[in-house]
């Protein structure tokens, strides 16, 4: 991680879950971590909690479903931190159960706005920042899902499935365009299987399921960031032991 010392690392969706764990893991290193999320109170609590860490944490309120918010937040990095973004960890995402047969259009739109459009806009703006500041060794990490590589068997999760599949192709698309431009910026898709939520971890007497802790996903971000300069992990799929990429539903009859 020495190569990233004192450089700007941006993490979206940083106020809870995987994003919070990623910030906590990164804070072990002397980085400038910019944390985006809607809930500024939770971001500030995280920054206070990590005050004695090796990193400097910058909490920034940003509604990632609004392009204007994203652009203003990147402008804030430019004017306040005064440096370009060297690493982007696109983590923000949402899963809303909403069936294709009778689901709500608003639910579908929210998932596409956050899981697809926001991630794409952040990739674009991070790339612009890298170009402006002459950062030719940057790294973009999109937190994807096994849902981006296989069909979820559960009713109501097909639109989420579609958004993560879109992210899979967009990540490869960014990698293709960067290679075509003869640049050395790395692009990684990190696809965990089932990750336990904060709510689930607090519940007792629930039926045990195969799921990993958010900290496990965070540790894989470090793995991607510590590859040699001439190597990129294009796709890193991480499962709990016993879990499979393709989920299988119970018998229908």
Protein backbone atom coordinates (compact mmCIF):
# COMPACT_ATOMS: atom_id res chain seq x y z
CA UNK A 1 0.00 0.00 0.00
CA UNK A 2 3.06 2.27 0.13
CA UNK A 3 2.43 3.56 -3.39
CA UNK A 4 -0.86 5.11 -2.24
CA UNK A 5 0.64 7.01 0.70
CA UNK A 6 -0.84 10.54 1.08
CA UNK A 7 -3.01 10.06 -1.99
CA UNK A 8 -6.78 10.58 -2.29
CA UNK A 9 -9.02 7.52 -2.05
CA UNK A 10 -12.74 8.09 -2.60
CA UNK A 11 -15.29 5.64 -1.15
CA UNK A 12 -19.00 6.00 -1.98
CA UNK A 13 -21.79 4.69 0.23
CA UNK A 14 -19.40 4.98 3.15
CA UNK A 15 -21.83 5.54 6.02
CA UNK A 16 -22.70 1.88 6.72
CA UNK A 17 -22.22 -1.75 5.74
CA UNK A 18 -19.49 -2.60 3.25
CA UNK A 19 -18.61 1.03 2.61
CA UNK A 20 -18.03 1.76 6.28
CA UNK A 21 -15.86 -1.35 6.58
CA UNK A 22 -13.84 -0.32 3.52
CA UNK A 23 -13.12 3.09 5.05
CA UNK A 24 -12.14 1.44 8.35
CA UNK A 25 -9.79 -0.97 6.57
CA UNK A 26 -8.22 1.77 4.45
CA UNK A 27 -7.75 3.97 7.53
CA UNK A 28 -4.95 1.66 8.66
CA UNK A 29 -2.80 3.30 5.99
CA UNK A 30 -1.64 6.93 5.61
CA UNK A 31 -4.22 7.93 3.00
CA UNK A 32 -6.55 10.85 2.39
CA UNK A 33 -9.94 9.12 2.43
CA UNK A 34 -12.93 11.02 1.09
CA UNK A 35 -16.18 9.37 2.20
CA UNK A 36 -19.40 10.05 0.24
CA UNK A 37 -22.89 9.28 1.59
CA UNK A 38 -26.26 10.93 2.18
CA UNK A 39 -26.15 10.55 5.95
CA UNK A 40 -23.55 13.08 7.03
CA UNK A 41 -24.14 12.36 10.72
CA UNK A 42 -23.03 8.75 10.28
CA UNK A 43 -20.05 9.84 8.19
CA UNK A 44 -18.97 12.28 10.89
CA UNK A 45 -19.35 9.58 13.54
CA UNK A 46 -17.11 7.32 11.45
CA UNK A 47 -14.52 10.08 11.00
CA UNK A 48 -14.52 10.73 14.76
CA UNK A 49 -14.15 7.01 15.46
CA UNK A 50 -11.14 6.82 13.15
CA UNK A 51 -9.60 10.10 14.30
CA UNK A 52 -6.51 8.39 15.71
CA UNK A 53 -5.96 6.21 12.63
CA UNK A 54 -3.16 6.62 10.11
CA UNK A 55 -5.49 8.18 7.56
CA UNK A 56 -7.16 11.57 7.24
CA UNK A 57 -10.94 11.14 6.77
CA UNK A 58 -13.00 13.71 4.86
CA UNK A 59 -16.77 13.17 5.27
CA UNK A 60 -18.78 14.62 2.37
CA UNK A 61 -22.57 14.61 2.15
CA UNK A 62 -23.67 13.50 -1.30
CA UNK A 63 -26.91 12.08 -2.68
CA UNK A 64 -25.49 9.85 -5.37
CA UNK A 65 -28.82 9.63 -7.18
CA UNK A 66 -28.39 13.33 -8.07
CA UNK A 67 -25.75 14.09 -10.67
CA UNK A 68 -25.53 17.67 -9.44
CA UNK A 69 -24.57 16.40 -5.97
CA UNK A 70 -21.88 14.16 -7.41
CA UNK A 71 -20.38 16.98 -9.48
CA UNK A 72 -20.39 19.34 -6.49
CA UNK A 73 -18.75 16.68 -4.30
CA UNK A 74 -15.95 16.14 -6.84
CA UNK A 75 -15.54 19.90 -7.04
CA UNK A 76 -15.25 19.94 -3.24
CA UNK A 77 -12.37 17.46 -3.46
CA UNK A 78 -10.68 19.68 -6.03
CA UNK A 79 -10.98 22.89 -4.03
CA UNK A 80 -10.68 21.58 -0.44
CA UNK A 81 -8.29 18.63 -0.66
CA UNK A 82 -6.56 20.19 -3.65
CA UNK A 83 -5.56 16.91 -5.25
CA UNK A 84 -6.87 14.47 -7.81
CA UNK A 85 -8.59 11.20 -6.98
CA UNK A 86 -6.09 8.35 -7.24
CA UNK A 87 -8.48 5.56 -6.18
CA UNK A 88 -12.25 5.31 -6.50
CA UNK A 89 -14.14 2.58 -4.65
CA UNK A 90 -17.66 2.64 -6.09
CA UNK A 91 -19.59 0.96 -3.30
CA UNK A 92 -22.97 2.70 -3.05
CA UNK A 93 -25.86 0.43 -4.03
CA UNK A 94 -29.36 -0.65 -3.10
CA UNK A 95 -31.45 -3.80 -3.32
CA UNK A 96 -35.19 -3.27 -3.21
CA UNK A 97 -37.48 -6.28 -3.56
CA UNK A 98 -39.84 -5.35 -6.38
CA UNK A 99 -41.29 -7.93 -8.77
CA UNK A 100 -41.33 -7.51 -12.52
CA UNK A 101 -44.97 -8.63 -12.54
CA UNK A 102 -46.35 -5.96 -10.22
CA UNK A 103 -43.43 -3.90 -8.89
CA UNK A 104 -43.20 -0.16 -8.47
CA UNK A 105 -41.50 1.86 -11.19
CA UNK A 106 -39.99 4.13 -8.54
CA UNK A 107 -38.22 1.15 -6.96
CA UNK A 108 -36.75 0.14 -10.31
CA UNK A 109 -35.69 3.69 -11.10
CA UNK A 110 -33.99 4.11 -7.71
CA UNK A 111 -31.96 0.94 -8.22
CA UNK A 112 -30.83 1.94 -11.71
CA UNK A 113 -30.07 5.51 -10.57
CA UNK A 114 -27.81 4.36 -7.72
CA UNK A 115 -26.44 1.01 -8.87
CA UNK A 116 -25.78 1.96 -12.49
CA UNK A 117 -25.91 5.68 -13.29
CA UNK A 118 -24.27 6.92 -10.09
CA UNK A 119 -21.47 4.39 -10.42
CA UNK A 120 -20.92 5.35 -14.06
CA UNK A 121 -20.89 9.08 -13.32
CA UNK A 122 -18.42 8.57 -10.46
CA UNK A 123 -16.14 6.54 -12.75
CA UNK A 124 -16.26 9.32 -15.35
CA UNK A 125 -15.54 12.08 -12.84
CA UNK A 126 -12.75 10.10 -11.15
CA UNK A 127 -11.16 9.54 -14.55
CA UNK A 128 -11.39 13.26 -15.34
CA UNK A 129 -9.76 14.03 -12.00
CA UNK A 130 -6.94 11.57 -12.69
CA UNK A 131 -6.35 13.08 -16.13
CA UNK A 132 -6.33 16.65 -14.83
CA UNK A 133 -3.77 15.85 -12.15
CA UNK A 134 -1.58 13.60 -14.28
CA UNK A 135 -2.41 10.46 -12.32
CA UNK A 136 -1.55 7.66 -14.74
CA UNK A 137 -1.57 4.81 -12.21
CA UNK A 138 -5.04 5.28 -10.69
CA UNK A 139 -7.41 2.49 -9.75
CA UNK A 140 -11.20 2.21 -10.00
CA UNK A 141 -12.85 -0.57 -7.99
CA UNK A 142 -16.55 -1.23 -8.54
CA UNK A 143 -18.21 -3.20 -5.76
CA UNK A 144 -20.33 -5.55 -7.81
CA UNK A 145 -22.05 -8.80 -6.78
CA UNK A 146 -22.41 -12.40 -7.85
CA UNK A 147 -25.83 -11.11 -8.99
CA UNK A 148 -23.87 -9.45 -11.78
CA UNK A 149 -22.80 -12.85 -13.07
CA UNK A 150 -25.75 -15.18 -12.44
CA UNK A 151 -29.53 -15.10 -12.19
CA UNK A 152 -30.96 -14.67 -8.72
CA UNK A 153 -33.69 -17.25 -8.10
CA UNK A 154 -35.84 -15.12 -5.82
CA UNK A 155 -38.96 -13.25 -6.95
CA UNK A 156 -38.59 -9.51 -6.70
CA UNK A 157 -34.82 -9.38 -7.22
CA UNK A 158 -34.63 -9.45 -11.01
CA UNK A 159 -34.27 -5.68 -11.45
CA UNK A 160 -31.42 -5.63 -8.92
CA UNK A 161 -30.00 -8.55 -10.90
CA UNK A 162 -30.20 -6.44 -14.06
CA UNK A 163 -28.45 -3.46 -12.46
CA UNK A 164 -25.51 -5.56 -11.31
CA UNK A 165 -25.26 -7.27 -14.70
CA UNK A 166 -25.13 -3.79 -16.23
CA UNK A 167 -22.33 -2.88 -13.82
CA UNK A 168 -20.37 -5.96 -14.92
CA UNK A 169 -20.46 -4.84 -18.56
CA UNK A 170 -19.85 -1.17 -17.72
CA UNK A 171 -16.76 -2.10 -15.69
CA UNK A 172 -15.36 -4.07 -18.61
CA UNK A 173 -16.38 -1.19 -20.86
CA UNK A 174 -14.34 1.30 -18.82
CA UNK A 175 -11.40 -1.10 -18.91
CA UNK A 176 -11.75 -1.38 -22.70
CA UNK A 177 -11.89 2.39 -23.26
CA UNK A 178 -8.91 2.97 -20.96
CA UNK A 179 -6.90 0.31 -22.79
CA UNK A 180 -7.92 1.83 -26.14
CA UNK A 181 -6.63 5.19 -24.89
CA UNK A 182 -3.33 3.47 -23.99
CA UNK A 183 -3.60 4.40 -20.32
CA UNK A 184 -2.52 2.34 -17.32
CA UNK A 185 -5.39 3.10 -14.96
CA UNK A 186 -6.68 -0.12 -13.42
CA UNK A 187 -10.35 -1.11 -13.29
CA UNK A 188 -11.55 -3.92 -11.01
CA UNK A 189 -14.91 -5.55 -10.44
CA UNK A 190 -15.18 -6.97 -6.91
CA UNK A 191 -18.12 -9.36 -6.66
CA UNK A 192 -18.95 -10.76 -3.23
CA UNK A 193 -21.59 -13.37 -2.58
CA UNK A 194 -24.07 -12.84 0.21
CA UNK A 195 -22.92 -10.24 2.75
CA UNK A 196 -24.57 -10.03 6.15
CA UNK A 197 -26.22 -6.70 6.87
CA UNK A 198 -25.99 -4.72 10.11
CA UNK A 199 -29.64 -5.54 10.80
CA UNK A 200 -29.08 -9.24 10.33
CA UNK A 201 -26.00 -9.23 12.56
CA UNK A 202 -28.08 -7.70 15.34
CA UNK A 203 -30.89 -10.23 15.04
CA UNK A 204 -30.87 -13.27 17.29
CA UNK A 205 -32.32 -16.73 16.85
CA UNK A 206 -32.33 -16.39 13.07
CA UNK A 207 -31.72 -19.34 10.81
CA UNK A 208 -28.00 -19.40 9.92
CA UNK A 209 -27.18 -18.73 6.26
CA UNK A 210 -23.92 -18.63 4.36
CA UNK A 211 -22.81 -15.01 4.37
CA UNK A 212 -19.60 -13.08 4.88
CA UNK A 213 -18.93 -10.05 7.03
CA UNK A 214 -18.45 -6.64 5.37
CA UNK A 215 -14.90 -6.65 6.70
CA UNK A 216 -14.12 -9.62 4.45
CA UNK A 217 -15.10 -7.59 1.39
CA UNK A 218 -13.02 -4.65 2.65
CA UNK A 219 -9.95 -6.86 2.90
CA UNK A 220 -10.35 -7.79 -0.77
CA UNK A 221 -10.14 -4.10 -1.70
CA UNK A 222 -6.65 -4.12 -0.19
CA UNK A 223 -5.81 -7.23 -2.22
CA UNK A 224 -6.80 -5.42 -5.43
CA UNK A 225 -4.87 -2.27 -4.50
CA UNK A 226 -1.66 -4.13 -3.71
CA UNK A 227 -1.21 -5.89 -7.05
CA UNK A 228 2.01 -5.13 -8.96
CA UNK A 229 1.87 -2.10 -11.29
CA UNK A 230 1.64 -4.28 -14.40
CA UNK A 231 -1.14 -6.54 -13.05
CA UNK A 232 -4.84 -5.81 -12.60
CA UNK A 233 -7.45 -8.03 -11.00
CA UNK A 234 -10.19 -7.59 -13.57
CA UNK A 235 -12.78 -9.65 -11.71
CA UNK A 236 -12.49 -10.79 -8.08
CA UNK A 237 -15.39 -13.00 -6.99
CA UNK A 238 -15.46 -13.81 -3.28
CA UNK A 239 -17.75 -16.39 -1.66
CA UNK A 240 -18.24 -17.90 1.75
CA UNK A 241 -16.99 -21.49 1.82
CA UNK A 242 -19.90 -23.66 0.73
CA UNK A 243 -21.58 -20.86 -1.22
CA UNK A 244 -21.97 -20.97 -5.00
CA UNK A 245 -22.04 -18.23 -7.64
CA UNK A 246 -25.35 -19.48 -9.02
CA UNK A 247 -28.02 -19.66 -6.32
CA UNK A 248 -30.54 -22.45 -6.57
CA UNK A 249 -34.15 -22.03 -5.40
CA UNK A 250 -36.01 -24.63 -3.39
CA UNK A 251 -38.21 -27.02 -5.41
CA UNK A 252 -41.25 -25.25 -6.83
CA UNK A 253 -43.50 -28.22 -6.05
